[in-house]
Amino acid sequence: MSEIKVENISKSFGNTCVLKDISFQVKDGHLLSLLGPSGCGKTTLLRIIAGLEYADEGNIFVGEKNLTPIPVEKRNIGVVFQNYALIPHMTVYNNIAYGLKIRKVPKDKIREQVEKYISLIGLEGMMDRKVTQLSGGQQQRVALARALIVEPDILLLDEPLSALDRKIRAEMQYEIRRIQKQVGITTIFVTHDQEKADCRWYVAGEGWRFEVRKDEAFHVGEQVALAIRGEQVSISEDPSENAAECIIKNIIFTGETCRLRVDLCGLELTLSCINIQAENLRAGQKIYFRTNPQMTHYYKMVKTGEEN
């Protein structure tokens, strides 16, 4: 993997200046979001890094290599486009394997790598499906796997979530970050949506994610304990952003409090909810709960002892 260095990039189309003296650096293994309104030059800059456009001035470095004079096919850069650019008549397997086939990698090695990336993106059992049979979120995962399987030096994501609906968009925002961290690839993520730019902090687990207040005392990936008061829990029968999906196992009414025993991805929890309309709730029902970020607290894990 390699760091990215953009030095004094400028670009004009005719008399219109799109980029003027742009410089920044992305450290090895980090993700940088380029945030701005449509038409501000984000995608043009991404295309210059990829080699699909050439800058009027400036240089692009990946590690110690100056990419500026190198043609697109020799830059070893993975790109996921806004429309995914999948091949519709091909299966999931063949879409992901396409780059390796072009490189004439042996068939047994191709299958090994495809199976590895299928597992990484969580689409086991779908290798033989055509991509047109997949949901938008699944197609996005295939596009990501296809870009990563050739082991590029860096990864470029051009508005990869804009075609998804709100619920899937929130899920894939988390998944992209998970996969990027797991692979450890240096990444630039272009978006016009402030919500997608990693500008928020979350505490997350298997199948759930809650927005929390930013606290510089914590680090990304650190294990924490989470505390939420019952009156700060919001219950809904409809999905919403950052809401955890669960199944009601049991309902107990105790005065003003409604205690819901729920199954959250195999984890049993008790939600002590205050002042909710619970008349229509029933065992076996799927519900969604979310929290108030300002009232969702998290703490450093306390070590209770050391192993001998």
C-alpha atoms as a PDB file:
ATOM      1  CA  MET A   1       0.000   0.000   0.000  1.00  0.00           C
ATOM      2  CA  SER A   2       1.111   3.602  -0.545  1.00  0.00           C
ATOM      3  CA  GLU A   3       0.428   7.162   0.434  1.00  0.00           C
ATOM      4  CA  ILE A   4      -1.023   9.646  -2.070  1.00  0.00           C
ATOM      5  CA  LYS A   5       0.462  13.085  -2.574  1.00  0.00           C
ATOM      6  CA  VAL A   6      -1.302  15.687  -4.745  1.00  0.00           C
ATOM      7  CA  GLU A   7       0.881  18.693  -5.548  1.00  0.00           C
ATOM      8  CA  ASN A   8      -0.361  21.998  -7.021  1.00  0.00           C
ATOM      9  CA  ILE A   9      -2.939  20.509  -9.395  1.00  0.00           C
ATOM     10  CA  SER A  10      -4.707  22.959 -11.708  1.00  0.00           C
ATOM     11  CA  LYS A  11      -7.176  22.205 -14.495  1.00  0.00           C
ATOM     12  CA  SER A  12      -9.270  24.323 -16.839  1.00  0.00           C
ATOM     13  CA  PHE A  13     -11.801  23.432 -19.504  1.00  0.00           C
ATOM     14  CA  GLY A  14     -11.656  26.259 -22.018  1.00  0.00           C
ATOM     15  CA  ASN A  15     -11.992  29.488 -20.053  1.00  0.00           C
ATOM     16  CA  THR A  16     -13.451  27.726 -17.002  1.00  0.00           C
ATOM     17  CA  CYS A  17     -11.005  27.037 -14.178  1.00  0.00           C
ATOM     18  CA  VAL A  18     -12.146  23.861 -12.402  1.00  0.00           C
ATOM     19  CA  LEU A  19      -9.166  23.231 -10.112  1.00  0.00           C
ATOM     20  CA  LYS A  20      -6.611  25.772  -8.949  1.00  0.00           C
ATOM     21  CA  ASP A  21      -3.409  24.858  -7.104  1.00  0.00           C
ATOM     22  CA  ILE A  22      -4.843  21.870  -5.196  1.00  0.00           C
ATOM     23  CA  SER A  23      -2.474  20.095  -2.797  1.00  0.00           C
ATOM     24  CA  PHE A  24      -3.021  17.462  -0.097  1.00  0.00           C
ATOM     25  CA  GLN A  25      -1.613  14.187   1.201  1.00  0.00           C
ATOM     26  CA  VAL A  26      -3.272  10.922   2.288  1.00  0.00           C
ATOM     27  CA  LYS A  27      -1.181   8.731   4.579  1.00  0.00           C
ATOM     28  CA  ASP A  28      -0.717   5.046   3.856  1.00  0.00           C
ATOM     29  CA  GLY A  29      -3.840   3.085   4.781  1.00  0.00           C
ATOM     30  CA  HIS A  30      -5.964   6.154   5.540  1.00  0.00           C
ATOM     31  CA  LEU A  31      -9.258   7.275   3.964  1.00  0.00           C
ATOM     32  CA  LEU A  32      -9.785  10.875   2.856  1.00  0.00           C
ATOM     33  CA  SER A  33     -13.200  12.299   1.924  1.00  0.00           C
ATOM     34  CA  LEU A  34     -13.384  15.053  -0.690  1.00  0.00           C
ATOM     35  CA  LEU A  35     -16.568  16.926   0.160  1.00  0.00           C
ATOM     36  CA  GLY A  36     -18.178  19.624  -1.941  1.00  0.00           C
ATOM     37  CA  PRO A  37     -21.228  20.538  -4.031  1.00  0.00           C
ATOM     38  CA  SER A  38     -21.809  19.160  -7.507  1.00  0.00           C
ATOM     39  CA  GLY A  39     -19.652  20.911 -10.101  1.00  0.00           C
ATOM     40  CA  CYS A  40     -16.869  21.984  -7.738  1.00  0.00           C
ATOM     41  CA  GLY A  41     -14.246  19.750  -9.380  1.00  0.00           C
ATOM     42  CA  LYS A  42     -14.162  16.704  -7.064  1.00  0.00           C
ATOM     43  CA  THR A  43     -14.683  14.118  -9.799  1.00  0.00           C
ATOM     44  CA  THR A  44     -12.292  15.928 -12.142  1.00  0.00           C
ATOM     45  CA  LEU A  45      -9.583  15.672  -9.487  1.00  0.00           C
ATOM     46  CA  LEU A  46     -10.343  11.976  -8.996  1.00  0.00           C
ATOM     47  CA  ARG A  47     -10.123  11.386 -12.766  1.00  0.00           C
ATOM     48  CA  ILE A  48      -6.752  13.181 -12.846  1.00  0.00           C
ATOM     49  CA  ILE A  49      -5.445  10.894 -10.085  1.00  0.00           C
ATOM     50  CA  ALA A  50      -6.744   7.851 -11.983  1.00  0.00           C
ATOM     51  CA  GLY A  51      -5.222   9.050 -15.282  1.00  0.00           C
ATOM     52  CA  LEU A  52      -8.557   9.531 -17.052  1.00  0.00           C
ATOM     53  CA  GLU A  53      -7.862  13.282 -17.293  1.00  0.00           C
ATOM     54  CA  TYR A  54      -4.580  15.179 -17.389  1.00  0.00           C
ATOM     55  CA  ALA A  55      -3.854  18.234 -15.260  1.00  0.00           C
ATOM     56  CA  ASP A  56      -2.681  21.500 -16.799  1.00  0.00           C
ATOM     57  CA  GLU A  57      -0.210  21.866 -13.925  1.00  0.00           C
ATOM     58  CA  GLY A  58       0.960  19.856 -10.941  1.00  0.00           C
ATOM     59  CA  ASN A  59       1.908  16.295 -10.081  1.00  0.00           C
ATOM     60  CA  ILE A  60       0.408  13.155  -8.511  1.00  0.00           C
ATOM     61  CA  PHE A  61       2.603  10.843  -6.444  1.00  0.00           C
ATOM     62  CA  VAL A  62       1.782   7.391  -5.084  1.00  0.00           C
ATOM     63  CA  GLY A  63       4.588   6.516  -2.733  1.00  0.00           C
ATOM     64  CA  GLU A  64       7.749   7.681  -4.445  1.00  0.00           C
ATOM     65  CA  LYS A  65       6.346   7.193  -7.964  1.00  0.00           C
ATOM     66  CA  ASN A  66       5.271  10.240  -9.975  1.00  0.00           C
ATOM     67  CA  LEU A  67       2.123   9.123 -11.812  1.00  0.00           C
ATOM     68  CA  THR A  68       1.770  12.280 -13.876  1.00  0.00           C
ATOM     69  CA  PRO A  69       3.342  10.912 -17.103  1.00  0.00           C
ATOM     70  CA  ILE A  70       2.092   7.337 -16.606  1.00  0.00           C
ATOM     71  CA  PRO A  71      -0.939   6.224 -18.692  1.00  0.00           C
ATOM     72  CA  VAL A  72      -4.107   5.055 -16.955  1.00  0.00           C
ATOM     73  CA  GLU A  73      -3.620   1.344 -17.671  1.00  0.00           C
ATOM     74  CA  LYS A  74      -0.240   1.320 -15.908  1.00  0.00           C
ATOM     75  CA  ARG A  75      -1.152   3.266 -12.760  1.00  0.00           C
ATOM     76  CA  ASN A  76      -2.452   0.270 -10.742  1.00  0.00           C
ATOM     77  CA  ILE A  77      -5.362   2.226  -9.270  1.00  0.00           C
ATOM     78  CA  GLY A  78      -8.729   0.764  -8.286  1.00  0.00           C
ATOM     79  CA  VAL A  79     -11.783   2.887  -9.096  1.00  0.00           C
ATOM     80  CA  VAL A  80     -15.440   2.438  -8.133  1.00  0.00           C
ATOM     81  CA  PHE A  81     -17.638   4.695 -10.260  1.00  0.00           C
ATOM     82  CA  GLN A  82     -20.991   6.221  -9.357  1.00  0.00           C
ATOM     83  CA  ASN A  83     -22.861   3.794 -11.649  1.00  0.00           C
ATOM     84  CA  TYR A  84     -20.578   0.837 -10.643  1.00  0.00           C
ATOM     85  CA  ALA A  85     -19.855   0.044 -14.366  1.00  0.00           C
ATOM     86  CA  LEU A  86     -20.600  -3.665 -13.890  1.00  0.00           C
ATOM     87  CA  ILE A  87     -21.014  -5.916 -16.935  1.00  0.00           C
ATOM     88  CA  PRO A  88     -24.744  -6.799 -16.881  1.00  0.00           C
ATOM     89  CA  HIS A  89     -24.669 -10.110 -18.777  1.00  0.00           C
ATOM     90  CA  MET A  90     -21.929 -11.514 -16.536  1.00  0.00           C
ATOM     91  CA  THR A  91     -22.256 -13.302 -13.204  1.00  0.00           C
ATOM     92  CA  VAL A  92     -20.977 -11.977  -9.899  1.00  0.00           C
ATOM     93  CA  TYR A  93     -17.993 -14.319 -10.225  1.00  0.00           C
ATOM     94  CA  ASN A  94     -17.043 -13.134 -13.715  1.00  0.00           C
ATOM     95  CA  ASN A  95     -17.475  -9.450 -12.850  1.00  0.00           C
ATOM     96  CA  ILE A  96     -15.142  -9.750  -9.866  1.00  0.00           C
ATOM     97  CA  ALA A  97     -12.682 -11.955 -11.784  1.00  0.00           C
ATOM     98  CA  TYR A  98     -12.573  -9.713 -14.864  1.00  0.00           C
ATOM     99  CA  GLY A  99      -9.407  -7.803 -13.975  1.00  0.00           C
ATOM    100  CA  LEU A 100      -7.498 -10.972 -13.145  1.00  0.00           C
ATOM    101  CA  LYS A 101      -8.571 -12.590 -16.421  1.00  0.00           C
ATOM    102  CA  ILE A 102      -7.268  -9.580 -18.351  1.00  0.00           C
ATOM    103  CA  ARG A 103      -3.948 -10.062 -16.521  1.00  0.00           C
ATOM    104  CA  LYS A 104      -3.992 -13.765 -17.552  1.00  0.00           C
ATOM    105  CA  VAL A 105      -3.851 -15.030 -13.959  1.00  0.00           C
ATOM    106  CA  PRO A 106      -4.188 -18.865 -13.753  1.00  0.00           C
ATOM    107  CA  LYS A 107      -7.769 -20.102 -13.297  1.00  0.00           C
ATOM    108  CA  ASP A 108      -7.163 -21.781  -9.926  1.00  0.00           C
ATOM    109  CA  LYS A 109      -5.625 -18.569  -8.556  1.00  0.00           C
ATOM    110  CA  ILE A 110      -8.550 -16.536  -9.905  1.00  0.00           C
ATOM    111  CA  ARG A 111     -11.089 -18.766  -8.140  1.00  0.00           C
ATOM    112  CA  GLU A 112      -9.103 -18.597  -4.902  1.00  0.00           C
ATOM    113  CA  GLN A 113      -9.011 -14.796  -5.017  1.00  0.00           C
ATOM    114  CA  VAL A 114     -12.662 -14.415  -6.018  1.00  0.00           C
ATOM    115  CA  GLU A 115     -13.753 -16.631  -3.138  1.00  0.00           C
ATOM    116  CA  LYS A 116     -11.615 -14.543  -0.787  1.00  0.00           C
ATOM    117  CA  TYR A 117     -13.208 -11.259  -1.895  1.00  0.00           C
ATOM    118  CA  ILE A 118     -16.712 -12.733  -2.048  1.00  0.00           C
ATOM    119  CA  SER A 119     -16.270 -13.556   1.632  1.00  0.00           C
ATOM    120  CA  LEU A 120     -14.872 -10.082   2.358  1.00  0.00           C
ATOM    121  CA  ILE A 121     -17.941  -8.352   0.908  1.00  0.00           C
ATOM    122  CA  GLY A 122     -20.396 -10.801   2.466  1.00  0.00           C
ATOM    123  CA  LEU A 123     -21.949 -12.270  -0.716  1.00  0.00           C
ATOM    124  CA  GLU A 124     -21.192 -15.953  -0.183  1.00  0.00           C
ATOM    125  CA  GLY A 125     -23.454 -18.191  -2.252  1.00  0.00           C
ATOM    126  CA  MET A 126     -24.101 -15.538  -4.909  1.00  0.00           C
ATOM    127  CA  MET A 127     -21.172 -16.157  -7.282  1.00  0.00           C
ATOM    128  CA  ASP A 128     -23.350 -17.614 -10.039  1.00  0.00           C
ATOM    129  CA  ARG A 129     -26.004 -14.897 -10.008  1.00  0.00           C
ATOM    130  CA  LYS A 130     -26.070 -12.264 -12.712  1.00  0.00           C
ATOM    131  CA  VAL A 131     -25.401  -8.811 -11.322  1.00  0.00           C
ATOM    132  CA  THR A 132     -28.784  -7.659 -12.668  1.00  0.00           C
ATOM    133  CA  GLN A 133     -30.386  -9.983 -10.098  1.00  0.00           C
ATOM    134  CA  LEU A 134     -28.715  -8.168  -7.194  1.00  0.00           C
ATOM    135  CA  SER A 135     -29.908  -5.242  -5.110  1.00  0.00           C
ATOM    136  CA  GLY A 136     -28.174  -1.864  -5.381  1.00  0.00           C
ATOM    137  CA  GLY A 137     -26.193  -2.474  -2.212  1.00  0.00           C
ATOM    138  CA  GLN A 138     -25.071  -5.896  -3.433  1.00  0.00           C
ATOM    139  CA  GLN A 139     -24.007  -4.465  -6.784  1.00  0.00           C
ATOM    140  CA  GLN A 140     -22.000  -1.842  -4.945  1.00  0.00           C
ATOM    141  CA  ARG A 141     -20.191  -4.586  -3.022  1.00  0.00           C
ATOM    142  CA  VAL A 142     -19.391  -6.416  -6.281  1.00  0.00           C
ATOM    143  CA  ALA A 143     -17.941  -3.227  -7.769  1.00  0.00           C
ATOM    144  CA  LEU A 144     -15.800  -2.762  -4.667  1.00  0.00           C
ATOM    145  CA  ALA A 145     -14.539  -6.358  -4.797  1.00  0.00           C
ATOM    146  CA  ARG A 146     -13.744  -6.050  -8.515  1.00  0.00           C
ATOM    147  CA  ALA A 147     -11.657  -2.940  -7.817  1.00  0.00           C
ATOM    148  CA  LEU A 148      -9.797  -4.522  -4.892  1.00  0.00           C
ATOM    149  CA  ILE A 149      -9.087  -7.986  -6.295  1.00  0.00           C
ATOM    150  CA  VAL A 150      -6.307  -6.719  -8.592  1.00  0.00           C
ATOM    151  CA  GLU A 151      -4.508  -5.424  -5.470  1.00  0.00           C
ATOM    152  CA  PRO A 152      -4.247  -1.764  -6.518  1.00  0.00           C
ATOM    153  CA  ASP A 153      -1.893   0.670  -4.796  1.00  0.00           C
ATOM    154  CA  ILE A 154      -4.791   3.025  -3.990  1.00  0.00           C
ATOM    155  CA  LEU A 155      -8.585   3.041  -4.217  1.00  0.00           C
ATOM    156  CA  LEU A 156     -10.761   5.859  -5.596  1.00  0.00           C
ATOM    157  CA  LEU A 157     -14.501   6.005  -4.846  1.00  0.00           C
ATOM    158  CA  ASP A 158     -16.547   8.423  -6.956  1.00  0.00           C
ATOM    159  CA  GLU A 159     -19.949   9.065  -5.295  1.00  0.00           C
ATOM    160  CA  PRO A 160     -20.403   5.297  -4.785  1.00  0.00           C
ATOM    161  CA  LEU A 161     -23.501   5.641  -2.570  1.00  0.00           C
ATOM    162  CA  SER A 162     -25.538   8.194  -4.494  1.00  0.00           C
ATOM    163  CA  ALA A 163     -27.641   5.607  -6.382  1.00  0.00           C
ATOM    164  CA  LEU A 164     -28.758   3.810  -3.183  1.00  0.00           C
ATOM    165  CA  ASP A 165     -31.823   4.479  -1.074  1.00  0.00           C
ATOM    166  CA  ARG A 166     -31.375   6.000   2.367  1.00  0.00           C
ATOM    167  CA  LYS A 167     -31.421   2.792   4.429  1.00  0.00           C
ATOM    168  CA  ILE A 168     -29.005   0.893   2.179  1.00  0.00           C
ATOM    169  CA  ARG A 169     -26.819   3.995   1.873  1.00  0.00           C
ATOM    170  CA  ALA A 170     -26.327   4.108   5.647  1.00  0.00           C
ATOM    171  CA  GLU A 171     -25.474   0.394   5.736  1.00  0.00           C
ATOM    172  CA  MET A 172     -23.005   0.614   2.844  1.00  0.00           C
ATOM    173  CA  GLN A 173     -21.324   3.689   4.306  1.00  0.00           C
ATOM    174  CA  TYR A 174     -20.355   1.540   7.286  1.00  0.00           C
ATOM    175  CA  GLU A 175     -19.453  -1.460   5.091  1.00  0.00           C
ATOM    176  CA  ILE A 176     -17.132   0.552   2.835  1.00  0.00           C
ATOM    177  CA  ARG A 177     -15.255   1.821   5.866  1.00  0.00           C
ATOM    178  CA  ARG A 178     -15.058  -1.694   7.349  1.00  0.00           C
ATOM    179  CA  ILE A 179     -13.708  -3.224   4.138  1.00  0.00           C
ATOM    180  CA  GLN A 180     -11.267  -0.362   3.560  1.00  0.00           C
ATOM    181  CA  LYS A 181      -9.839  -0.741   7.062  1.00  0.00           C
ATOM    182  CA  GLN A 182      -9.673  -4.523   6.789  1.00  0.00           C
ATOM    183  CA  VAL A 183      -7.796  -4.379   3.476  1.00  0.00           C
ATOM    184  CA  GLY A 184      -5.713  -1.417   4.654  1.00  0.00           C
ATOM    185  CA  ILE A 185      -5.763   0.375   1.313  1.00  0.00           C
ATOM    186  CA  THR A 186      -5.212   4.123   0.961  1.00  0.00           C
ATOM    187  CA  THR A 187      -8.512   5.552  -0.272  1.00  0.00           C
ATOM    188  CA  ILE A 188     -10.037   8.786  -1.568  1.00  0.00           C
ATOM    189  CA  PHE A 189     -13.816   9.023  -1.271  1.00  0.00           C
ATOM    190  CA  VAL A 190     -15.637  11.704  -3.282  1.00  0.00           C
ATOM    191  CA  THR A 191     -19.082  12.865  -2.143  1.00  0.00           C
ATOM    192  CA  HIS A 192     -21.334  15.917  -2.188  1.00  0.00           C
ATOM    193  CA  ASP A 193     -23.216  14.650   0.880  1.00  0.00           C
ATOM    194  CA  GLN A 194     -21.772  15.795   4.202  1.00  0.00           C
ATOM    195  CA  GLU A 195     -23.420  12.830   5.874  1.00  0.00           C
ATOM    196  CA  LYS A 196     -21.258  10.372   3.892  1.00  0.00           C
ATOM    197  CA  ALA A 197     -17.881  12.024   4.572  1.00  0.00           C
ATOM    198  CA  ASP A 198     -16.897  10.312   7.883  1.00  0.00           C
ATOM    199  CA  CYS A 199     -17.677  13.627   9.651  1.00  0.00           C
ATOM    200  CA  ARG A 200     -19.674  11.804  12.344  1.00  0.00           C
ATOM    201  CA  TRP A 201     -18.696   9.454  15.133  1.00  0.00           C
ATOM    202  CA  TYR A 202     -20.373   6.108  15.776  1.00  0.00           C
ATOM    203  CA  VAL A 203     -20.263   3.242  18.208  1.00  0.00           C
ATOM    204  CA  ALA A 204     -21.002   0.069  16.282  1.00  0.00           C
ATOM    205  CA  GLY A 205     -21.359  -3.675  16.779  1.00  0.00           C
ATOM    206  CA  GLU A 206     -22.630  -6.687  14.863  1.00  0.00           C
ATOM    207  CA  GLY A 207     -25.767  -5.489  13.037  1.00  0.00           C
ATOM    208  CA  TRP A 208     -26.102  -2.100  14.752  1.00  0.00           C
ATOM    209  CA  ARG A 209     -24.606   1.382  14.782  1.00  0.00           C
ATOM    210  CA  PHE A 210     -25.444   4.457  16.883  1.00  0.00           C
ATOM    211  CA  GLU A 211     -24.262   7.991  16.301  1.00  0.00           C
ATOM    212  CA  VAL A 212     -22.484   9.519  19.308  1.00  0.00           C
ATOM    213  CA  ARG A 213     -20.848  12.784  20.277  1.00  0.00           C
ATOM    214  CA  LYS A 214     -17.242  13.190  19.180  1.00  0.00           C
ATOM    215  CA  ASP A 215     -14.700  12.665  21.938  1.00  0.00           C
ATOM    216  CA  GLU A 216     -11.016  13.094  21.066  1.00  0.00           C
ATOM    217  CA  ALA A 217     -10.041  10.875  24.020  1.00  0.00           C
ATOM    218  CA  PHE A 218     -11.088   7.835  21.957  1.00  0.00           C
ATOM    219  CA  HIS A 219      -9.617   6.330  18.810  1.00  0.00           C
ATOM    220  CA  VAL A 220     -11.248   4.662  15.797  1.00  0.00           C
ATOM    221  CA  GLY A 221     -11.455   0.924  16.413  1.00  0.00           C
ATOM    222  CA  GLU A 222     -11.192   1.199  20.193  1.00  0.00           C
ATOM    223  CA  GLN A 223     -13.468  -1.111  22.192  1.00  0.00           C
ATOM    224  CA  VAL A 224     -15.838   0.806  24.462  1.00  0.00           C
ATOM    225  CA  ALA A 225     -18.783   0.268  26.808  1.00  0.00           C
ATOM    226  CA  LEU A 226     -22.064   1.902  25.741  1.00  0.00           C
ATOM    227  CA  ALA A 227     -24.721   3.335  28.056  1.00  0.00           C
ATOM    228  CA  ILE A 228     -28.178   4.553  26.957  1.00  0.00           C
ATOM    229  CA  ARG A 229     -31.029   5.636  29.242  1.00  0.00           C
ATOM    230  CA  GLY A 230     -34.435   4.139  28.486  1.00  0.00           C
ATOM    231  CA  GLU A 231     -36.129   7.461  27.826  1.00  0.00           C
ATOM    232  CA  GLN A 232     -33.571   8.224  25.096  1.00  0.00           C
ATOM    233  CA  VAL A 233     -34.579   5.171  23.020  1.00  0.00           C
ATOM    234  CA  SER A 234     -36.881   5.776  20.045  1.00  0.00           C
ATOM    235  CA  ILE A 235     -38.910   2.816  18.723  1.00  0.00           C
ATOM    236  CA  SER A 236     -40.307   2.617  15.194  1.00  0.00           C
ATOM    237  CA  GLU A 237     -41.907   0.012  12.950  1.00  0.00           C
ATOM    238  CA  ASP A 238     -40.167   1.593   9.934  1.00  0.00           C
ATOM    239  CA  PRO A 239     -36.415   1.562   9.167  1.00  0.00           C
ATOM    240  CA  SER A 240     -34.440   4.773   9.484  1.00  0.00           C
ATOM    241  CA  GLU A 241     -30.828   5.858   9.402  1.00  0.00           C
ATOM    242  CA  ASN A 242     -28.677   4.512  12.263  1.00  0.00           C
ATOM    243  CA  ALA A 243     -31.620   2.518  13.647  1.00  0.00           C
ATOM    244  CA  ALA A 244     -30.924  -1.033  14.828  1.00  0.00           C
ATOM    245  CA  GLU A 245     -33.215  -3.748  13.480  1.00  0.00           C
ATOM    246  CA  CYS A 246     -34.364  -6.345  16.022  1.00  0.00           C
ATOM    247  CA  ILE A 247     -37.122  -8.889  16.707  1.00  0.00           C
ATOM    248  CA  ILE A 248     -39.386  -8.663  19.758  1.00  0.00           C
ATOM    249  CA  LYS A 249     -39.215 -11.814  21.890  1.00  0.00           C
ATOM    250  CA  ASN A 250     -41.364 -10.672  24.817  1.00  0.00           C
ATOM    251  CA  ILE A 251     -43.209  -7.576  26.118  1.00  0.00           C
ATOM    252  CA  ILE A 252     -43.639  -6.634  29.788  1.00  0.00           C
ATOM    253  CA  PHE A 253     -45.587  -3.576  30.941  1.00  0.00           C
ATOM    254  CA  THR A 254     -44.562  -2.092  34.306  1.00  0.00           C
ATOM    255  CA  GLY A 255     -46.440   1.157  34.827  1.00  0.00           C
ATOM    256  CA  GLU A 256     -45.032   3.852  32.573  1.00  0.00           C
ATOM    257  CA  THR A 257     -42.225   1.587  31.407  1.00  0.00           C
ATOM    258  CA  CYS A 258     -42.512  -0.958  28.610  1.00  0.00           C
ATOM    259  CA  ARG A 259     -39.785  -3.567  28.758  1.00  0.00           C
ATOM    260  CA  LEU A 260     -39.063  -5.230  25.423  1.00  0.00           C
ATOM    261  CA  ARG A 261     -36.958  -8.349  25.265  1.00  0.00           C
ATOM    262  CA  VAL A 262     -35.485  -8.322  21.760  1.00  0.00           C
ATOM    263  CA  ASP A 263     -33.128 -10.297  19.557  1.00  0.00           C
ATOM    264  CA  LEU A 264     -30.463  -8.119  17.905  1.00  0.00           C
ATOM    265  CA  CYS A 265     -28.492 -10.281  15.455  1.00  0.00           C
ATOM    266  CA  GLY A 266     -28.421 -13.169  17.941  1.00  0.00           C
ATOM    267  CA  LEU A 267     -27.795 -10.915  20.964  1.00  0.00           C
ATOM    268  CA  GLU A 268     -30.670 -10.729  23.465  1.00  0.00           C
ATOM    269  CA  LEU A 269     -31.285  -7.277  24.938  1.00  0.00           C
ATOM    270  CA  THR A 270     -33.878  -5.686  27.207  1.00  0.00           C
ATOM    271  CA  LEU A 271     -35.106  -2.258  26.091  1.00  0.00           C
ATOM    272  CA  SER A 272     -36.682  -0.388  28.985  1.00  0.00           C
ATOM    273  CA  CYS A 273     -38.668   2.170  27.033  1.00  0.00           C
ATOM    274  CA  ILE A 274     -40.577   5.036  28.597  1.00  0.00           C
ATOM    275  CA  ASN A 275     -43.666   6.696  27.136  1.00  0.00           C
ATOM    276  CA  ILE A 276     -43.921   4.685  23.920  1.00  0.00           C
ATOM    277  CA  GLN A 277     -47.123   3.633  22.197  1.00  0.00           C
ATOM    278  CA  ALA A 278     -46.842  -0.131  22.643  1.00  0.00           C
ATOM    279  CA  GLU A 279     -50.431  -1.233  21.993  1.00  0.00           C
ATOM    280  CA  ASN A 280     -49.607  -2.489  18.500  1.00  0.00           C
ATOM    281  CA  LEU A 281     -46.361  -4.231  19.409  1.00  0.00           C
ATOM    282  CA  ARG A 282     -46.308  -8.031  19.535  1.00  0.00           C
ATOM    283  CA  ALA A 283     -43.874 -10.899  19.977  1.00  0.00           C
ATOM    284  CA  GLY A 284     -42.153 -11.862  16.698  1.00  0.00           C
ATOM    285  CA  GLN A 285     -42.511  -8.350  15.272  1.00  0.00           C
ATOM    286  CA  LYS A 286     -39.581  -6.609  13.620  1.00  0.00           C
ATOM    287  CA  ILE A 287     -38.917  -3.147  15.066  1.00  0.00           C
ATOM    288  CA  TYR A 288     -36.208  -0.506  14.817  1.00  0.00           C
ATOM    289  CA  PHE A 289     -34.720   1.487  17.678  1.00  0.00           C
ATOM    290  CA  ARG A 290     -32.375   4.414  17.680  1.00  0.00           C
ATOM    291  CA  THR A 291     -30.881   6.776  20.216  1.00  0.00           C
ATOM    292  CA  ASN A 292     -30.240  10.468  20.765  1.00  0.00           C
ATOM    293  CA  PRO A 293     -26.535  11.060  19.895  1.00  0.00           C
ATOM    294  CA  GLN A 294     -26.238  13.768  22.542  1.00  0.00           C
ATOM    295  CA  MET A 295     -27.455  11.383  25.235  1.00  0.00           C
ATOM    296  CA  THR A 296     -25.652   8.223  24.133  1.00  0.00           C
ATOM    297  CA  HIS A 297     -22.622   7.743  26.389  1.00  0.00           C
ATOM    298  CA  TYR A 298     -19.584   5.558  25.882  1.00  0.00           C
ATOM    299  CA  TYR A 299     -16.727   4.705  28.219  1.00  0.00           C
ATOM    300  CA  LYS A 300     -13.333   3.092  28.078  1.00  0.00           C
ATOM    301  CA  MET A 301     -13.366  -0.614  28.854  1.00  0.00           C
ATOM    302  CA  VAL A 302     -12.072  -1.409  32.346  1.00  0.00           C
ATOM    303  CA  LYS A 303      -9.676  -4.324  32.640  1.00  0.00           C
ATOM    304  CA  THR A 304     -10.841  -6.641  35.426  1.00  0.00           C
ATOM    305  CA  GLY A 305      -7.639  -8.658  35.593  1.00  0.00           C
ATOM    306  CA  GLU A 306      -4.824 -10.185  33.632  1.00  0.00           C
ATOM    307  CA  GLU A 307      -4.406 -13.747  32.495  1.00  0.00           C
ATOM    308  CA  ASN A 308      -1.716 -15.796  34.240  1.00  0.00           C
END
